[in-house]
Each structure stands twice: as C-alpha cells, then as structure tokens.
C-alpha cells in the first residue's frame, strides 16, 4: 500500500497477515495531490498541488525523480500515456495538453484544446 503524507512524503506499507512494515520511500517536500501507477505497476507518478510531477520506481527503491514542473501554467492533472510506460500527459486549466518523457522529463508535444478545463 502506497500513500502520501501532507508534508510530501511517499510511504509504503508492506502488509502480510497481521504484521506490517512501514518504509519511507521519498520526500519531495511538497504536498502530493495524487499518486498514479503505470499500467504495469512499475512506475508511480507523484503529482503535487504546485504543478510538479515526480516519477518513483518501486523496484529501484531510489529517490523520486522530478520529471516536470508546470507551476507557471496552472497545472491540473497528469497520467500515463498508454500503451507502455514511456510517456505521461499533463493538462493545464487553460486547456493545454502536454506530452512528456518519463525517462528524463523531455517535452515532446502540446495541443491547445481552445477551452478552459476543469477537474471534477
């Protein structure tokens, strides 16, 4: 079970039978608004309220890697672009959809929808 604390800490609970183990996986020092697993569960996107997206790979047990920072563009949400786990897509409240590399945060493409976007 993965969850985040308000302080921006990613925590893993390993639960087996009636016992559990707690592990702090990453501290990004920003409140995490959502956690999204890739379709094959090898990567986890950490999305902050400030518009920063981090990638965390549980099998590598390393730090969360900052992929993109859209804080200047009123970032709303991000998710994996499937099939595969190589790209993520983000959207701003102005209706700009952006595609990013999950390996290094390289910006690939954008599409302006021409309308304001809301998350419900």
Protein backbone atom coordinates (compact mmCIF):
# COMPACT_ATOMS: atom_id res chain seq x y z
CA UNK A 1 0.00 0.00 0.00
CA UNK A 2 1.48 3.37 -1.04
CA UNK A 3 0.21 6.65 0.32
CA UNK A 4 1.46 10.17 0.87
CA UNK A 5 1.58 12.33 3.93
CA UNK A 6 0.65 16.01 3.70
CA UNK A 7 4.29 17.02 4.03
CA UNK A 8 5.14 15.39 0.68
CA UNK A 9 6.41 12.07 1.96
CA UNK A 10 5.70 8.88 -0.01
CA UNK A 11 5.17 5.98 2.39
CA UNK A 12 4.90 2.25 1.69
CA UNK A 13 3.07 -0.17 3.98
CA UNK A 14 4.03 -3.81 3.41
CA UNK A 15 1.17 -5.79 4.92
CA UNK A 16 1.35 -9.55 5.41
CA UNK A 17 -1.16 -11.40 7.52
CA UNK A 18 -1.41 -9.47 10.79
CA UNK A 19 2.01 -7.81 10.53
CA UNK A 20 3.13 -4.74 8.64
CA UNK A 21 6.30 -2.84 7.88
CA UNK A 22 6.49 0.89 7.17
CA UNK A 23 9.04 2.36 4.77
CA UNK A 24 9.56 5.99 3.78
CA UNK A 25 10.25 5.89 0.05
CA UNK A 26 10.69 9.54 -0.91
CA UNK A 27 10.40 13.05 0.49
CA UNK A 28 9.62 15.67 -2.15
CA UNK A 29 8.79 18.44 0.36
CA UNK A 30 5.60 19.45 -1.48
CA UNK A 31 2.07 18.26 -0.72
CA UNK A 32 1.23 15.35 -3.04
CA UNK A 33 -2.22 15.67 -4.61
CA UNK A 34 -2.31 12.31 -6.38
CA UNK A 35 -0.46 9.04 -6.93
CA UNK A 36 -0.89 7.25 -10.27
CA UNK A 37 0.54 3.81 -11.06
CA UNK A 38 1.61 2.91 -14.58
CA UNK A 39 -0.46 0.21 -16.29
CA UNK A 40 2.19 -2.43 -15.47
CA UNK A 41 2.77 -1.09 -11.94
CA UNK A 42 6.50 -0.45 -12.47
CA UNK A 43 6.31 3.34 -12.08
CA UNK A 44 4.41 5.70 -9.86
CA UNK A 45 3.70 9.33 -10.73
CA UNK A 46 3.60 11.73 -7.79
CA UNK A 47 1.66 14.87 -8.66
CA UNK A 48 1.86 17.95 -6.41
CA UNK A 49 -0.54 20.84 -5.91
CA UNK A 50 2.18 23.19 -7.19
CA UNK A 51 2.28 21.50 -10.61
CA UNK A 52 5.38 19.35 -10.24
CA UNK A 53 5.39 15.71 -11.37
CA UNK A 54 7.84 13.15 -9.98
CA UNK A 55 8.47 9.56 -11.03
CA UNK A 56 9.17 6.84 -8.50
CA UNK A 57 10.08 3.26 -9.43
CA UNK A 58 9.38 0.92 -6.50
CA UNK A 59 11.67 -1.86 -7.80
CA UNK A 60 14.63 0.52 -7.83
CA UNK A 61 13.90 1.88 -4.34
CA UNK A 62 15.55 5.14 -5.22
CA UNK A 63 14.52 8.73 -4.82
CA UNK A 64 11.65 10.27 -6.68
CA UNK A 65 12.91 11.98 -9.85
CA UNK A 66 11.45 15.32 -10.87
CA UNK A 67 10.06 14.96 -14.38
CA UNK A 68 8.40 18.28 -14.98
CA UNK A 69 7.45 21.48 -13.30
CA UNK A 70 4.44 23.23 -14.76
CA UNK A 71 3.88 25.59 -11.84
CA UNK A 72 3.70 28.62 -14.13
CA UNK A 73 0.92 27.17 -16.28
CA UNK A 74 -1.90 26.34 -13.79
CA UNK A 75 -1.35 22.58 -13.93
CA UNK A 76 -4.39 20.41 -13.20
CA UNK A 77 -3.52 16.73 -13.67
CA UNK A 78 -1.16 14.14 -15.14
CA UNK A 79 -1.39 10.49 -16.12
CA UNK A 80 0.47 7.81 -18.06
CA UNK A 81 0.05 7.83 -21.82
CA UNK A 82 -0.63 4.23 -22.79
CA UNK A 83 0.26 1.80 -24.20
CA UNK A 84 3.60 1.49 -22.47
CA UNK A 85 5.22 3.44 -19.67
CA UNK A 86 7.43 5.82 -21.62
CA UNK A 87 5.29 8.97 -21.64
CA UNK A 88 2.98 10.97 -19.46
CA UNK A 89 0.39 13.54 -20.39
CA UNK A 90 -0.50 16.65 -18.40
CA UNK A 91 -3.22 19.25 -18.77
CA UNK A 92 -3.47 22.88 -17.66
CA UNK A 93 -6.63 24.78 -16.74
CA UNK A 94 -6.25 26.83 -19.95
CA UNK A 95 -6.72 23.62 -21.98
CA UNK A 96 -3.13 22.86 -22.98
CA UNK A 97 -2.39 19.12 -23.15
CA UNK A 98 1.32 18.27 -22.99
CA UNK A 99 3.26 15.03 -23.58
CA UNK A 100 6.46 14.35 -21.61
CA UNK A 101 9.09 11.61 -21.47
CA UNK A 102 9.07 9.62 -18.25
CA UNK A 103 12.76 8.84 -18.60
CA UNK A 104 14.12 12.38 -18.37
CA UNK A 105 11.19 14.82 -18.47
CA UNK A 106 11.80 15.86 -22.08
CA UNK A 107 8.88 17.82 -23.51
CA UNK A 108 7.60 16.27 -26.76
CA UNK A 109 4.37 17.85 -27.82
CA UNK A 110 1.43 20.01 -26.86
CA UNK A 111 -2.10 20.56 -28.07
CA UNK A 112 -4.25 23.53 -27.15
CA UNK A 113 -7.87 22.49 -26.77
CA UNK A 114 -9.04 26.09 -27.03
CA UNK A 115 -11.23 25.85 -23.96
CA UNK A 116 -10.85 26.08 -20.20
CA UNK A 117 -10.52 22.70 -18.43
CA UNK A 118 -11.83 21.70 -15.01
CA UNK A 119 -11.18 18.60 -12.92
CA UNK A 120 -14.14 17.09 -11.09
